[in-house]
Amino acid sequence: MVRPRKRYLNFENMIGLAKTMNRKVVAEPVETEAHGTTLIKMGCHLGQGYFIANPIEHQRIPE
């Protein structure tokens, strides 16, 4: 089991690496408001998950 602090550091390191490489990070899964808030504070501004929206059928995605 990964402890919460170690998991936090892993995310922090991945976001930092992406910034260094001038890349965007998409966090998944964002399941709660707390997840989203924490990720924003860490510098990740894109995410997907049930807190943001439920999955939709591909036919309903605008082109």
N, C-alpha and C. Protein backbone atom coordinates (compact mmCIF):
# COMPACT_ATOMS: atom_id res chain seq x y z
N MET A 1 0.84 -1.18 0.00
CA MET A 1 0.00 0.00 0.00
C MET A 1 0.88 1.24 0.00
N VAL A 2 0.51 2.21 -0.81
CA VAL A 2 1.27 3.46 -0.87
C VAL A 2 0.67 4.42 0.15
N ARG A 3 1.51 4.95 1.00
CA ARG A 3 1.03 5.90 2.00
C ARG A 3 0.65 7.21 1.33
N PRO A 4 -0.34 7.93 1.90
CA PRO A 4 -0.80 9.18 1.28
C PRO A 4 0.32 10.19 1.00
N ARG A 5 1.26 10.38 1.91
CA ARG A 5 2.34 11.36 1.69
C ARG A 5 3.22 10.93 0.53
N LYS A 6 3.52 9.65 0.44
CA LYS A 6 4.34 9.15 -0.66
C LYS A 6 3.60 9.32 -1.98
N ARG A 7 2.29 9.04 -2.00
CA ARG A 7 1.47 9.22 -3.20
C ARG A 7 1.49 10.69 -3.62
N TYR A 8 1.35 11.59 -2.64
CA TYR A 8 1.38 13.03 -2.92
C TYR A 8 2.71 13.42 -3.56
N LEU A 9 3.80 12.91 -3.03
CA LEU A 9 5.11 13.22 -3.60
C LEU A 9 5.25 12.67 -5.01
N ASN A 10 4.69 11.49 -5.26
CA ASN A 10 4.73 10.93 -6.62
C ASN A 10 4.01 11.84 -7.60
N PHE A 11 2.82 12.32 -7.23
CA PHE A 11 2.09 13.24 -8.11
C PHE A 11 2.86 14.54 -8.29
N GLU A 12 3.39 15.05 -7.21
CA GLU A 12 4.17 16.28 -7.26
C GLU A 12 5.35 16.14 -8.22
N ASN A 13 6.04 15.02 -8.14
CA ASN A 13 7.19 14.77 -9.03
C ASN A 13 6.77 14.65 -10.49
N MET A 14 5.65 13.96 -10.75
CA MET A 14 5.19 13.81 -12.13
C MET A 14 4.77 15.15 -12.72
N ILE A 15 4.07 15.96 -11.94
CA ILE A 15 3.66 17.28 -12.41
C ILE A 15 4.89 18.15 -12.66
N GLY A 16 5.87 18.09 -11.77
CA GLY A 16 7.11 18.85 -11.94
C GLY A 16 7.86 18.43 -13.19
N LEU A 17 7.94 17.13 -13.44
CA LEU A 17 8.61 16.63 -14.63
C LEU A 17 7.91 17.12 -15.89
N ALA A 18 6.58 17.06 -15.90
CA ALA A 18 5.83 17.53 -17.06
C ALA A 18 6.08 19.02 -17.31
N LYS A 19 6.10 19.82 -16.26
CA LYS A 19 6.39 21.25 -16.41
C LYS A 19 7.78 21.47 -16.99
N THR A 20 8.76 20.71 -16.50
CA THR A 20 10.13 20.81 -17.00
C THR A 20 10.19 20.50 -18.49
N MET A 21 9.37 19.54 -18.92
CA MET A 21 9.35 19.13 -20.33
C MET A 21 8.35 19.95 -21.15
N ASN A 22 7.78 20.97 -20.52
CA ASN A 22 6.82 21.85 -21.20
C ASN A 22 5.61 21.07 -21.71
N ARG A 23 5.10 20.16 -20.87
CA ARG A 23 3.95 19.32 -21.22
C ARG A 23 2.80 19.62 -20.25
N LYS A 24 1.60 19.27 -20.68
CA LYS A 24 0.42 19.39 -19.82
C LYS A 24 0.17 18.06 -19.13
N VAL A 25 -0.43 18.13 -17.96
CA VAL A 25 -0.77 16.93 -17.19
C VAL A 25 -2.28 16.86 -17.08
N VAL A 26 -2.84 15.68 -17.35
CA VAL A 26 -4.26 15.44 -17.14
C VAL A 26 -4.38 14.42 -16.01
N ALA A 27 -4.96 14.84 -14.90
CA ALA A 27 -5.12 13.95 -13.76
C ALA A 27 -6.37 13.09 -13.94
N GLU A 28 -6.24 11.82 -13.58
CA GLU A 28 -7.37 10.90 -13.66
C GLU A 28 -7.15 9.80 -12.63
N PRO A 29 -8.04 9.46 -11.78
CA PRO A 29 -9.40 9.93 -11.67
C PRO A 29 -9.52 11.07 -10.64
N VAL A 30 -10.29 12.08 -10.95
CA VAL A 30 -10.64 13.13 -9.99
C VAL A 30 -12.03 12.77 -9.49
N GLU A 31 -12.08 12.19 -8.30
CA GLU A 31 -13.34 11.64 -7.78
C GLU A 31 -14.03 12.55 -6.76
N THR A 32 -13.29 13.49 -6.18
CA THR A 32 -13.87 14.37 -5.17
C THR A 32 -13.37 15.80 -5.38
N GLU A 33 -14.07 16.74 -4.76
CA GLU A 33 -13.63 18.14 -4.82
C GLU A 33 -12.24 18.27 -4.19
N ALA A 34 -12.00 17.53 -3.12
CA ALA A 34 -10.68 17.57 -2.46
C ALA A 34 -9.57 17.13 -3.41
N HIS A 35 -9.82 16.08 -4.20
CA HIS A 35 -8.82 15.66 -5.20
C HIS A 35 -8.52 16.80 -6.15
N GLY A 36 -9.57 17.41 -6.70
CA GLY A 36 -9.39 18.50 -7.66
C GLY A 36 -8.65 19.68 -7.07
N THR A 37 -9.03 20.08 -5.86
CA THR A 37 -8.39 21.21 -5.20
C THR A 37 -6.91 20.94 -4.96
N THR A 38 -6.60 19.76 -4.49
CA THR A 38 -5.20 19.39 -4.23
C THR A 38 -4.39 19.41 -5.53
N LEU A 39 -4.95 18.85 -6.59
CA LEU A 39 -4.23 18.82 -7.86
C LEU A 39 -4.00 20.22 -8.42
N ILE A 40 -4.98 21.11 -8.28
CA ILE A 40 -4.82 22.49 -8.73
C ILE A 40 -3.70 23.17 -7.95
N LYS A 41 -3.68 22.97 -6.64
CA LYS A 41 -2.62 23.55 -5.81
C LYS A 41 -1.25 23.03 -6.21
N MET A 42 -1.21 21.79 -6.72
CA MET A 42 0.06 21.19 -7.13
C MET A 42 0.47 21.64 -8.53
N GLY A 43 -0.42 22.35 -9.24
CA GLY A 43 -0.07 22.84 -10.57
C GLY A 43 -0.69 22.06 -11.72
N CYS A 44 -1.58 21.13 -11.43
CA CYS A 44 -2.25 20.36 -12.47
C CYS A 44 -3.63 20.98 -12.68
N HIS A 45 -3.87 21.52 -13.86
CA HIS A 45 -5.11 22.23 -14.11
C HIS A 45 -6.06 21.51 -15.06
N LEU A 46 -5.74 20.29 -15.44
CA LEU A 46 -6.62 19.48 -16.28
C LEU A 46 -6.91 18.17 -15.57
N GLY A 47 -8.15 17.73 -15.65
CA GLY A 47 -8.48 16.48 -14.99
C GLY A 47 -9.73 15.87 -15.58
N GLN A 48 -9.93 14.62 -15.25
CA GLN A 48 -11.15 13.93 -15.65
C GLN A 48 -11.51 12.96 -14.55
N GLY A 49 -12.78 12.68 -14.44
CA GLY A 49 -13.24 11.76 -13.42
C GLY A 49 -14.69 12.05 -13.07
N TYR A 50 -15.26 11.22 -12.22
CA TYR A 50 -16.67 11.32 -11.89
C TYR A 50 -17.04 12.63 -11.19
N PHE A 51 -16.11 13.27 -10.50
CA PHE A 51 -16.44 14.55 -9.87
C PHE A 51 -16.69 15.62 -10.94
N ILE A 52 -15.99 15.55 -12.04
CA ILE A 52 -16.11 16.54 -13.10
C ILE A 52 -17.30 16.22 -14.00
N ALA A 53 -17.43 14.99 -14.45
CA ALA A 53 -18.54 14.58 -15.31
C ALA A 53 -18.61 13.07 -15.39
N ASN A 54 -19.81 12.55 -15.55
CA ASN A 54 -19.99 11.13 -15.78
C ASN A 54 -19.59 10.80 -17.21
N PRO A 55 -19.18 9.56 -17.46
CA PRO A 55 -18.84 9.17 -18.83
C PRO A 55 -20.06 9.35 -19.75
N ILE A 56 -19.79 9.68 -21.01
CA ILE A 56 -20.87 9.80 -21.98
C ILE A 56 -20.58 8.89 -23.16
N GLU A 57 -21.63 8.51 -23.86
CA GLU A 57 -21.46 7.67 -25.04
C GLU A 57 -20.76 8.44 -26.13
N HIS A 58 -19.92 7.77 -26.90
CA HIS A 58 -19.14 8.46 -27.92
C HIS A 58 -20.02 9.15 -28.96
N GLN A 59 -21.25 8.68 -29.16
CA GLN A 59 -22.13 9.31 -30.13
C GLN A 59 -22.56 10.72 -29.67
N ARG A 60 -22.51 10.98 -28.38
CA ARG A 60 -22.95 12.27 -27.84
C ARG A 60 -21.83 13.31 -27.79
N ILE A 61 -20.61 12.93 -28.14
CA ILE A 61 -19.49 13.87 -28.11
C ILE A 61 -19.55 14.74 -29.36
N PRO A 62 -19.60 16.07 -29.20
CA PRO A 62 -19.63 16.94 -30.38
C PRO A 62 -18.37 16.81 -31.21
N GLU A 63 -18.52 16.96 -32.50
CA GLU A 63 -17.36 16.87 -33.39
C GLU A 63 -16.70 18.22 -33.56
